[in-house]
């Protein structure tokens, strides 16, 4: 699965000049390590918005990140009666602007997410050991897509409210 992800990243980043990159959702699907994220976005009714909204940044938790949640959490969130909670969690992973690592400031800074208030800001820290977003480590940065950028993270971001 790791090789498939690297191949997808290489295809997106190194594609020919005439080929266009896939959108955020297509890129995540091609990577193969975001099945839970894609299923959650579909259950929340957000997949189309993630595919078509321009200039977004997605902090994308891997399937392994979702697996670190307590047993039954993902299944509970995917139920229709929990759609509002799922939307809040997923929109907490998306910025309404494109933010590449070269634009990130050294040290901690805060950015607003698409999540409705309250608790809609993420704390990003960039230092010599890498980038963290709240309590998640960015494990792959700057996957450029047609409509934004993806930063792969190792932990699902959970808003406090």
N, C-alpha and C. Protein backbone atom coordinates (compact mmCIF):
# COMPACT_ATOMS: atom_id res chain seq x y z
N UNK A 1 0.83 -1.18 0.00
CA UNK A 1 0.00 0.00 0.00
C UNK A 1 0.88 1.25 0.00
N UNK A 2 2.00 1.20 0.73
CA UNK A 2 2.90 2.34 0.79
C UNK A 2 3.46 2.65 -0.60
N UNK A 3 3.82 1.60 -1.37
CA UNK A 3 4.35 1.80 -2.72
C UNK A 3 3.29 2.42 -3.63
N UNK A 4 2.03 1.98 -3.46
CA UNK A 4 0.95 2.53 -4.26
C UNK A 4 0.78 4.02 -3.98
N UNK A 5 0.87 4.41 -2.70
CA UNK A 5 0.75 5.81 -2.32
C UNK A 5 1.87 6.62 -2.96
N UNK A 6 3.10 6.12 -2.86
CA UNK A 6 4.24 6.84 -3.45
C UNK A 6 4.09 6.96 -4.96
N UNK A 7 3.57 5.91 -5.61
CA UNK A 7 3.36 5.98 -7.05
C UNK A 7 2.33 7.04 -7.41
N UNK A 8 1.26 7.11 -6.62
CA UNK A 8 0.23 8.13 -6.88
C UNK A 8 0.79 9.53 -6.68
N UNK A 9 1.57 9.71 -5.62
CA UNK A 9 2.18 11.01 -5.36
C UNK A 9 3.12 11.38 -6.50
N UNK A 10 3.93 10.43 -6.93
CA UNK A 10 4.85 10.70 -8.03
C UNK A 10 4.10 11.05 -9.30
N UNK A 11 3.02 10.34 -9.57
CA UNK A 11 2.24 10.62 -10.77
C UNK A 11 1.66 12.02 -10.73
N UNK A 12 1.17 12.42 -9.56
CA UNK A 12 0.59 13.75 -9.42
C UNK A 12 1.68 14.82 -9.52
N UNK A 13 2.77 14.61 -8.82
CA UNK A 13 3.82 15.64 -8.75
C UNK A 13 4.70 15.69 -9.99
N UNK A 14 4.88 14.55 -10.65
CA UNK A 14 5.82 14.50 -11.75
C UNK A 14 5.17 14.29 -13.11
N UNK A 15 3.85 14.39 -13.16
CA UNK A 15 3.12 14.17 -14.40
C UNK A 15 3.59 15.10 -15.50
N UNK A 16 3.30 14.74 -16.73
CA UNK A 16 3.73 15.57 -17.85
C UNK A 16 3.00 16.91 -17.83
N UNK A 17 3.55 17.87 -18.51
CA UNK A 17 2.98 19.21 -18.51
C UNK A 17 1.58 19.22 -19.11
N UNK A 18 1.29 18.31 -20.04
CA UNK A 18 -0.03 18.31 -20.67
C UNK A 18 -1.08 17.63 -19.80
N UNK A 19 -0.65 16.79 -18.89
CA UNK A 19 -1.61 16.10 -18.02
C UNK A 19 -1.93 17.01 -16.83
N UNK A 20 -3.20 16.95 -16.41
CA UNK A 20 -3.55 17.76 -15.25
C UNK A 20 -3.64 16.85 -14.04
N UNK A 21 -3.38 17.41 -12.89
CA UNK A 21 -3.47 16.66 -11.65
C UNK A 21 -4.93 16.33 -11.37
N UNK A 22 -5.15 15.30 -10.59
CA UNK A 22 -6.50 14.95 -10.17
C UNK A 22 -6.92 15.89 -9.05
N UNK A 23 -8.23 15.92 -8.75
CA UNK A 23 -8.69 16.75 -7.64
C UNK A 23 -8.36 16.06 -6.31
N UNK A 24 -8.69 16.70 -5.22
CA UNK A 24 -8.35 16.17 -3.89
C UNK A 24 -8.90 14.76 -3.69
N UNK A 25 -10.16 14.55 -4.02
CA UNK A 25 -10.78 13.24 -3.81
C UNK A 25 -10.16 12.18 -4.71
N UNK A 26 -9.98 12.49 -5.99
CA UNK A 26 -9.37 11.53 -6.91
C UNK A 26 -7.95 11.18 -6.49
N UNK A 27 -7.21 12.16 -6.05
CA UNK A 27 -5.84 11.93 -5.60
C UNK A 27 -5.82 11.01 -4.38
N UNK A 28 -6.71 11.27 -3.44
CA UNK A 28 -6.81 10.41 -2.24
C UNK A 28 -7.22 8.99 -2.62
N UNK A 29 -8.16 8.87 -3.54
CA UNK A 29 -8.59 7.53 -3.98
C UNK A 29 -7.45 6.79 -4.66
N UNK A 30 -6.70 7.47 -5.49
CA UNK A 30 -5.58 6.84 -6.20
C UNK A 30 -4.49 6.40 -5.25
N UNK A 31 -4.30 7.12 -4.16
CA UNK A 31 -3.27 6.78 -3.19
C UNK A 31 -3.56 5.45 -2.51
N UNK A 32 -4.83 5.15 -2.27
CA UNK A 32 -5.19 3.88 -1.68
C UNK A 32 -5.09 3.79 -0.18
N UNK A 33 -4.58 4.80 0.48
CA UNK A 33 -4.42 4.75 1.95
C UNK A 33 -5.37 5.70 2.67
N UNK A 34 -6.41 6.14 1.95
CA UNK A 34 -7.39 7.07 2.52
C UNK A 34 -8.82 6.55 2.36
N UNK A 35 -9.00 5.24 2.38
CA UNK A 35 -10.32 4.64 2.18
C UNK A 35 -11.31 5.11 3.24
N UNK A 36 -10.86 5.18 4.48
CA UNK A 36 -11.75 5.60 5.57
C UNK A 36 -12.12 7.07 5.41
N UNK A 37 -11.17 7.91 5.06
CA UNK A 37 -11.44 9.33 4.84
C UNK A 37 -12.43 9.53 3.71
N UNK A 38 -12.26 8.81 2.62
CA UNK A 38 -13.18 8.92 1.49
C UNK A 38 -14.58 8.45 1.89
N UNK A 39 -14.66 7.32 2.61
CA UNK A 39 -15.97 6.82 3.07
C UNK A 39 -16.64 7.83 3.99
N UNK A 40 -15.85 8.45 4.87
CA UNK A 40 -16.39 9.45 5.78
C UNK A 40 -16.88 10.68 5.02
N UNK A 41 -16.10 11.14 4.04
CA UNK A 41 -16.51 12.30 3.24
C UNK A 41 -17.80 12.01 2.47
N UNK A 42 -17.93 10.80 1.96
CA UNK A 42 -19.16 10.42 1.26
C UNK A 42 -20.34 10.36 2.23
N UNK A 43 -20.14 9.76 3.40
CA UNK A 43 -21.22 9.66 4.40
C UNK A 43 -21.66 11.04 4.88
N UNK A 44 -20.71 11.98 4.94
CA UNK A 44 -21.02 13.33 5.41
C UNK A 44 -21.58 14.22 4.29
N UNK A 45 -21.58 13.71 3.05
CA UNK A 45 -22.04 14.52 1.93
C UNK A 45 -21.04 15.58 1.51
N UNK A 46 -19.76 15.36 1.82
CA UNK A 46 -18.73 16.36 1.52
C UNK A 46 -17.81 16.00 0.35
N UNK A 47 -17.92 14.79 -0.18
CA UNK A 47 -16.99 14.35 -1.22
C UNK A 47 -17.04 15.26 -2.44
N UNK A 48 -18.23 15.64 -2.89
CA UNK A 48 -18.34 16.52 -4.06
C UNK A 48 -17.70 17.88 -3.79
N UNK A 49 -17.93 18.42 -2.60
CA UNK A 49 -17.33 19.72 -2.26
C UNK A 49 -15.81 19.63 -2.23
N UNK A 50 -15.27 18.53 -1.70
CA UNK A 50 -13.82 18.36 -1.67
C UNK A 50 -13.24 18.18 -3.07
N UNK A 51 -14.05 17.66 -3.98
CA UNK A 51 -13.58 17.44 -5.34
C UNK A 51 -13.66 18.71 -6.19
N UNK A 52 -14.54 19.63 -5.84
CA UNK A 52 -14.79 20.77 -6.73
C UNK A 52 -14.41 22.13 -6.15
N UNK A 53 -14.30 22.27 -4.84
CA UNK A 53 -13.94 23.56 -4.25
C UNK A 53 -12.49 23.87 -4.58
N UNK A 54 -12.26 25.07 -5.04
CA UNK A 54 -10.91 25.48 -5.44
C UNK A 54 -10.12 26.02 -4.26
N UNK A 55 -8.80 25.89 -4.36
CA UNK A 55 -7.85 26.47 -3.40
C UNK A 55 -8.10 26.04 -1.95
N UNK A 56 -8.18 24.75 -1.73
CA UNK A 56 -8.34 24.24 -0.37
C UNK A 56 -7.08 23.50 0.06
N UNK A 57 -6.94 23.37 1.35
CA UNK A 57 -5.89 22.54 1.94
C UNK A 57 -6.58 21.49 2.78
N UNK A 58 -6.20 20.23 2.56
CA UNK A 58 -6.76 19.14 3.34
C UNK A 58 -5.65 18.47 4.13
N UNK A 59 -5.83 18.41 5.44
CA UNK A 59 -4.96 17.62 6.30
C UNK A 59 -5.60 16.25 6.35
N UNK A 60 -5.07 15.30 5.58
CA UNK A 60 -5.71 14.02 5.33
C UNK A 60 -5.16 12.92 6.23
N UNK A 61 -5.99 12.44 7.17
CA UNK A 61 -5.54 11.31 8.00
C UNK A 61 -5.58 10.01 7.18
N UNK A 62 -4.57 9.20 7.36
CA UNK A 62 -4.50 7.90 6.69
C UNK A 62 -5.47 6.92 7.33
N UNK A 63 -5.64 5.79 6.68
CA UNK A 63 -6.46 4.72 7.27
C UNK A 63 -5.88 4.30 8.63
N UNK A 64 -4.56 4.29 8.73
CA UNK A 64 -3.91 3.94 10.00
C UNK A 64 -4.24 4.96 11.09
N UNK A 65 -4.37 6.23 10.71
CA UNK A 65 -4.75 7.26 11.68
C UNK A 65 -6.16 7.00 12.21
N UNK A 66 -7.08 6.66 11.31
CA UNK A 66 -8.44 6.34 11.75
C UNK A 66 -8.45 5.10 12.64
N UNK A 67 -7.57 4.14 12.34
CA UNK A 67 -7.51 2.91 13.12
C UNK A 67 -7.05 3.17 14.56
N UNK A 68 -6.37 4.29 14.80
CA UNK A 68 -5.93 4.63 16.16
C UNK A 68 -7.06 5.14 17.04
N UNK A 69 -8.20 5.49 16.44
CA UNK A 69 -9.35 5.94 17.24
C UNK A 69 -9.88 4.76 18.06
N UNK A 70 -10.57 5.04 19.17
CA UNK A 70 -11.13 3.94 19.96
C UNK A 70 -12.03 3.04 19.11
N UNK A 71 -12.03 1.75 19.44
CA UNK A 71 -12.83 0.77 18.70
C UNK A 71 -14.28 1.24 18.57
N UNK A 72 -14.83 1.12 17.37
CA UNK A 72 -16.22 1.47 17.11
C UNK A 72 -16.47 2.93 16.78
N UNK A 73 -15.47 3.79 16.93
CA UNK A 73 -15.65 5.23 16.69
C UNK A 73 -16.01 5.51 15.23
N UNK A 74 -15.26 4.94 14.30
CA UNK A 74 -15.50 5.20 12.89
C UNK A 74 -16.89 4.70 12.49
N UNK A 75 -17.23 3.51 12.90
CA UNK A 75 -18.54 2.95 12.57
C UNK A 75 -19.66 3.83 13.13
N UNK A 76 -19.48 4.32 14.35
CA UNK A 76 -20.47 5.20 14.97
C UNK A 76 -20.60 6.51 14.18
N UNK A 77 -19.48 7.09 13.77
CA UNK A 77 -19.51 8.35 13.03
C UNK A 77 -20.14 8.21 11.65
N UNK A 78 -20.04 7.03 11.05
CA UNK A 78 -20.58 6.83 9.70
C UNK A 78 -22.09 6.63 9.68
N UNK A 79 -22.71 6.49 10.84
CA UNK A 79 -24.17 6.33 10.91
C UNK A 79 -24.85 7.65 10.54
N UNK A 80 -25.96 7.58 9.81
CA UNK A 80 -26.66 8.80 9.38
C UNK A 80 -27.01 9.75 10.53
N UNK A 81 -27.36 9.21 11.68
CA UNK A 81 -27.74 10.08 12.81
C UNK A 81 -26.56 10.87 13.38
N UNK A 82 -25.34 10.54 12.97
CA UNK A 82 -24.14 11.25 13.45
C UNK A 82 -23.51 12.12 12.38
N UNK A 83 -24.26 12.41 11.32
CA UNK A 83 -23.73 13.18 10.20
C UNK A 83 -23.20 14.55 10.62
N UNK A 84 -23.90 15.25 11.50
CA UNK A 84 -23.44 16.58 11.92
C UNK A 84 -22.09 16.51 12.61
N UNK A 85 -21.90 15.51 13.45
CA UNK A 85 -20.61 15.34 14.14
C UNK A 85 -19.51 15.00 13.14
N UNK A 86 -19.83 14.14 12.18
CA UNK A 86 -18.87 13.77 11.16
C UNK A 86 -18.48 14.98 10.31
N UNK A 87 -19.46 15.78 9.93
CA UNK A 87 -19.19 17.00 9.16
C UNK A 87 -18.26 17.93 9.95
N UNK A 88 -18.52 18.08 11.25
CA UNK A 88 -17.68 18.95 12.09
C UNK A 88 -16.24 18.44 12.12
N UNK A 89 -16.07 17.14 12.26
CA UNK A 89 -14.72 16.57 12.30
C UNK A 89 -14.02 16.74 10.96
N UNK A 90 -14.70 16.42 9.88
CA UNK A 90 -14.06 16.50 8.56
C UNK A 90 -13.75 17.93 8.15
N UNK A 91 -14.65 18.87 8.41
CA UNK A 91 -14.38 20.26 8.03
C UNK A 91 -13.27 20.87 8.89
N UNK A 92 -13.00 20.26 10.03
CA UNK A 92 -11.88 20.69 10.89
C UNK A 92 -10.54 20.34 10.24
N UNK A 93 -10.55 19.47 9.23
CA UNK A 93 -9.35 19.07 8.51
C UNK A 93 -9.11 19.87 7.24
N UNK A 94 -9.98 20.86 6.95
CA UNK A 94 -9.91 21.57 5.66
C UNK A 94 -9.78 23.07 5.88
N UNK A 95 -8.83 23.67 5.18
CA UNK A 95 -8.66 25.12 5.20
C UNK A 95 -9.28 25.70 3.93
N UNK A 96 -9.88 26.90 4.03
CA UNK A 96 -10.50 27.52 2.86
C UNK A 96 -9.49 28.27 1.99
N UNK A 97 -8.27 27.81 2.01
CA UNK A 97 -7.22 28.40 1.18
C UNK A 97 -6.12 27.36 1.01
N UNK A 98 -5.30 27.57 0.03
CA UNK A 98 -4.19 26.66 -0.22
C UNK A 98 -3.01 27.08 0.64
N UNK A 99 -2.49 26.15 1.42
CA UNK A 99 -1.36 26.41 2.30
C UNK A 99 -0.30 25.34 2.08
N UNK A 100 0.75 25.71 1.37
CA UNK A 100 1.85 24.78 1.14
C UNK A 100 2.89 24.96 2.23
N UNK A 101 3.73 23.96 2.40
CA UNK A 101 4.70 24.00 3.50
C UNK A 101 5.64 25.20 3.41
N UNK A 102 5.96 25.64 2.20
CA UNK A 102 6.85 26.80 2.06
C UNK A 102 6.21 28.09 2.59
N UNK A 103 4.87 28.09 2.73
CA UNK A 103 4.15 29.25 3.25
C UNK A 103 3.97 29.21 4.77
N UNK A 104 4.32 28.08 5.36
CA UNK A 104 4.13 27.93 6.81
C UNK A 104 5.24 28.65 7.55
N UNK A 105 4.83 29.36 8.58
CA UNK A 105 5.77 30.12 9.38
C UNK A 105 6.53 29.20 10.33
N UNK A 106 7.74 29.61 10.69
CA UNK A 106 8.47 28.87 11.72
C UNK A 106 7.76 29.09 13.06
N UNK A 107 7.77 28.06 13.87
CA UNK A 107 7.12 28.17 15.17
C UNK A 107 5.62 27.97 15.06
N UNK A 108 4.90 28.17 16.14
CA UNK A 108 3.46 27.93 16.12
C UNK A 108 2.69 29.11 15.52
N UNK A 109 1.63 28.77 14.77
CA UNK A 109 0.68 29.77 14.28
C UNK A 109 -0.68 29.08 14.14
N UNK A 110 -1.73 29.86 13.99
CA UNK A 110 -3.08 29.32 13.93
C UNK A 110 -3.73 29.64 12.58
N UNK A 111 -4.53 28.69 12.10
CA UNK A 111 -5.26 28.87 10.85
C UNK A 111 -6.72 28.49 11.07
N UNK A 112 -7.60 29.16 10.34
CA UNK A 112 -9.04 28.86 10.42
C UNK A 112 -9.40 27.75 9.46
N UNK A 113 -10.25 26.86 9.94
CA UNK A 113 -10.72 25.75 9.13
C UNK A 113 -12.11 26.06 8.59
N UNK A 114 -12.67 25.13 7.84
CA UNK A 114 -14.03 25.28 7.34
C UNK A 114 -15.08 24.90 8.39
N UNK A 115 -14.65 24.35 9.51
CA UNK A 115 -15.58 23.94 10.56
C UNK A 115 -16.33 25.16 11.08
N UNK A 116 -17.61 24.99 11.33
CA UNK A 116 -18.40 26.07 11.92
C UNK A 116 -17.90 26.34 13.34
N UNK A 117 -18.09 27.55 13.80
CA UNK A 117 -17.67 27.92 15.16
C UNK A 117 -18.44 27.10 16.17
N UNK A 118 -18.01 26.93 17.37
CA UNK A 118 -16.71 27.33 17.91
C UNK A 118 -15.62 26.32 17.55
N UNK A 119 -14.43 26.58 18.04
CA UNK A 119 -13.29 25.68 17.88
C UNK A 119 -13.02 25.39 16.41
N UNK A 120 -12.70 26.42 15.67
CA UNK A 120 -12.46 26.22 14.25
C UNK A 120 -11.03 26.51 13.82
N UNK A 121 -10.13 26.70 14.77
CA UNK A 121 -8.74 26.96 14.39
C UNK A 121 -7.84 25.79 14.75
N UNK A 122 -6.85 25.60 13.90
CA UNK A 122 -5.82 24.58 14.11
C UNK A 122 -4.53 25.28 14.49
N UNK A 123 -3.78 24.64 15.37
CA UNK A 123 -2.45 25.14 15.72
C UNK A 123 -1.43 24.37 14.89
N UNK A 124 -0.66 25.10 14.09
CA UNK A 124 0.37 24.48 13.26
C UNK A 124 1.73 24.91 13.80
N UNK A 125 2.60 23.93 13.95
CA UNK A 125 3.96 24.21 14.42
C UNK A 125 4.94 23.66 13.39
N UNK A 126 5.80 24.52 12.90
CA UNK A 126 6.85 24.11 11.97
C UNK A 126 8.19 24.38 12.63
N UNK A 127 8.98 23.33 12.73
CA UNK A 127 10.32 23.48 13.30
C UNK A 127 11.26 22.48 12.64
N UNK A 128 12.44 22.33 13.19
CA UNK A 128 13.45 21.46 12.59
C UNK A 128 13.01 19.99 12.53
N UNK A 129 12.12 19.58 13.43
CA UNK A 129 11.69 18.18 13.41
C UNK A 129 10.47 17.94 12.53
N UNK A 130 9.96 18.97 11.86
CA UNK A 130 8.85 18.79 10.95
C UNK A 130 7.68 19.69 11.27
N UNK A 131 6.51 19.27 10.79
CA UNK A 131 5.29 20.06 10.97
C UNK A 131 4.28 19.22 11.74
N UNK A 132 3.67 19.87 12.74
CA UNK A 132 2.55 19.25 13.44
C UNK A 132 1.34 20.16 13.30
N UNK A 133 0.18 19.50 13.24
CA UNK A 133 -1.09 20.20 13.16
C UNK A 133 -1.90 19.71 14.35
N UNK A 134 -2.15 20.60 15.32
CA UNK A 134 -2.70 20.18 16.61
C UNK A 134 -1.82 19.04 17.12
N UNK A 135 -2.36 17.85 17.29
CA UNK A 135 -1.57 16.74 17.82
C UNK A 135 -1.14 15.75 16.74
N UNK A 136 -1.29 16.11 15.47
CA UNK A 136 -0.95 15.21 14.37
C UNK A 136 0.36 15.64 13.71
N UNK A 137 1.12 14.65 13.30
CA UNK A 137 2.37 14.91 12.59
C UNK A 137 2.12 14.82 11.08
N UNK A 138 2.61 15.79 10.33
CA UNK A 138 2.53 15.74 8.88
C UNK A 138 3.59 14.75 8.42
N UNK A 139 3.13 13.67 7.77
CA UNK A 139 4.08 12.64 7.33
C UNK A 139 4.41 12.74 5.84
N UNK A 140 3.62 13.50 5.11
CA UNK A 140 3.91 13.80 3.70
C UNK A 140 3.23 15.12 3.39
N UNK A 141 3.99 16.08 2.90
CA UNK A 141 3.46 17.42 2.66
C UNK A 141 3.38 17.72 1.16
N UNK A 142 2.54 18.70 0.86
CA UNK A 142 2.52 19.31 -0.47
C UNK A 142 2.19 18.37 -1.62
N UNK A 143 1.15 17.60 -1.48
CA UNK A 143 0.64 16.81 -2.60
C UNK A 143 -0.33 17.74 -3.34
N UNK A 144 0.14 18.29 -4.44
CA UNK A 144 -0.62 19.30 -5.18
C UNK A 144 -1.66 18.61 -6.05
N UNK A 145 -2.89 19.14 -6.02
CA UNK A 145 -3.99 18.61 -6.82
C UNK A 145 -4.55 19.73 -7.68
N UNK A 146 -5.52 19.40 -8.51
CA UNK A 146 -6.17 20.41 -9.35
C UNK A 146 -6.81 21.53 -8.53
N UNK A 147 -7.33 21.19 -7.37
CA UNK A 147 -8.10 22.18 -6.62
C UNK A 147 -7.52 22.51 -5.24
N UNK A 148 -6.30 22.08 -4.98
CA UNK A 148 -5.70 22.42 -3.69
C UNK A 148 -4.47 21.60 -3.40
N UNK A 149 -4.25 21.42 -2.11
CA UNK A 149 -3.07 20.69 -1.66
C UNK A 149 -3.47 19.76 -0.50
N UNK A 150 -2.82 18.61 -0.45
CA UNK A 150 -3.04 17.65 0.62
C UNK A 150 -1.77 17.52 1.43
N UNK A 151 -1.93 17.52 2.76
CA UNK A 151 -0.85 17.19 3.67
C UNK A 151 -1.32 15.94 4.42
N UNK A 152 -0.57 14.87 4.33
CA UNK A 152 -0.95 13.61 4.97
C UNK A 152 -0.56 13.67 6.45
N UNK A 153 -1.50 13.30 7.33
CA UNK A 153 -1.24 13.34 8.77
C UNK A 153 -1.45 11.96 9.39
N UNK A 154 -0.83 11.75 10.54
CA UNK A 154 -0.84 10.43 11.18
C UNK A 154 -1.91 10.27 12.27
N UNK A 155 -2.72 11.29 12.49
CA UNK A 155 -3.72 11.28 13.56
C UNK A 155 -4.97 12.04 13.08
N UNK A 156 -6.13 11.53 13.44
CA UNK A 156 -7.37 12.24 13.12
C UNK A 156 -7.49 13.43 14.06
N UNK A 157 -7.76 14.60 13.51
CA UNK A 157 -7.92 15.81 14.29
C UNK A 157 -9.35 15.87 14.84
N UNK A 158 -9.47 16.01 16.14
CA UNK A 158 -10.79 16.06 16.77
C UNK A 158 -10.99 17.41 17.44
N UNK A 159 -11.97 18.18 16.96
CA UNK A 159 -12.22 19.47 17.60
C UNK A 159 -12.72 19.24 19.03
N UNK A 160 -12.44 20.18 19.92
CA UNK A 160 -12.86 20.00 21.32
C UNK A 160 -14.36 20.21 21.48
N UNK A 161 -15.00 20.90 20.53
CA UNK A 161 -16.45 21.15 20.60
C UNK A 161 -17.10 20.82 19.29
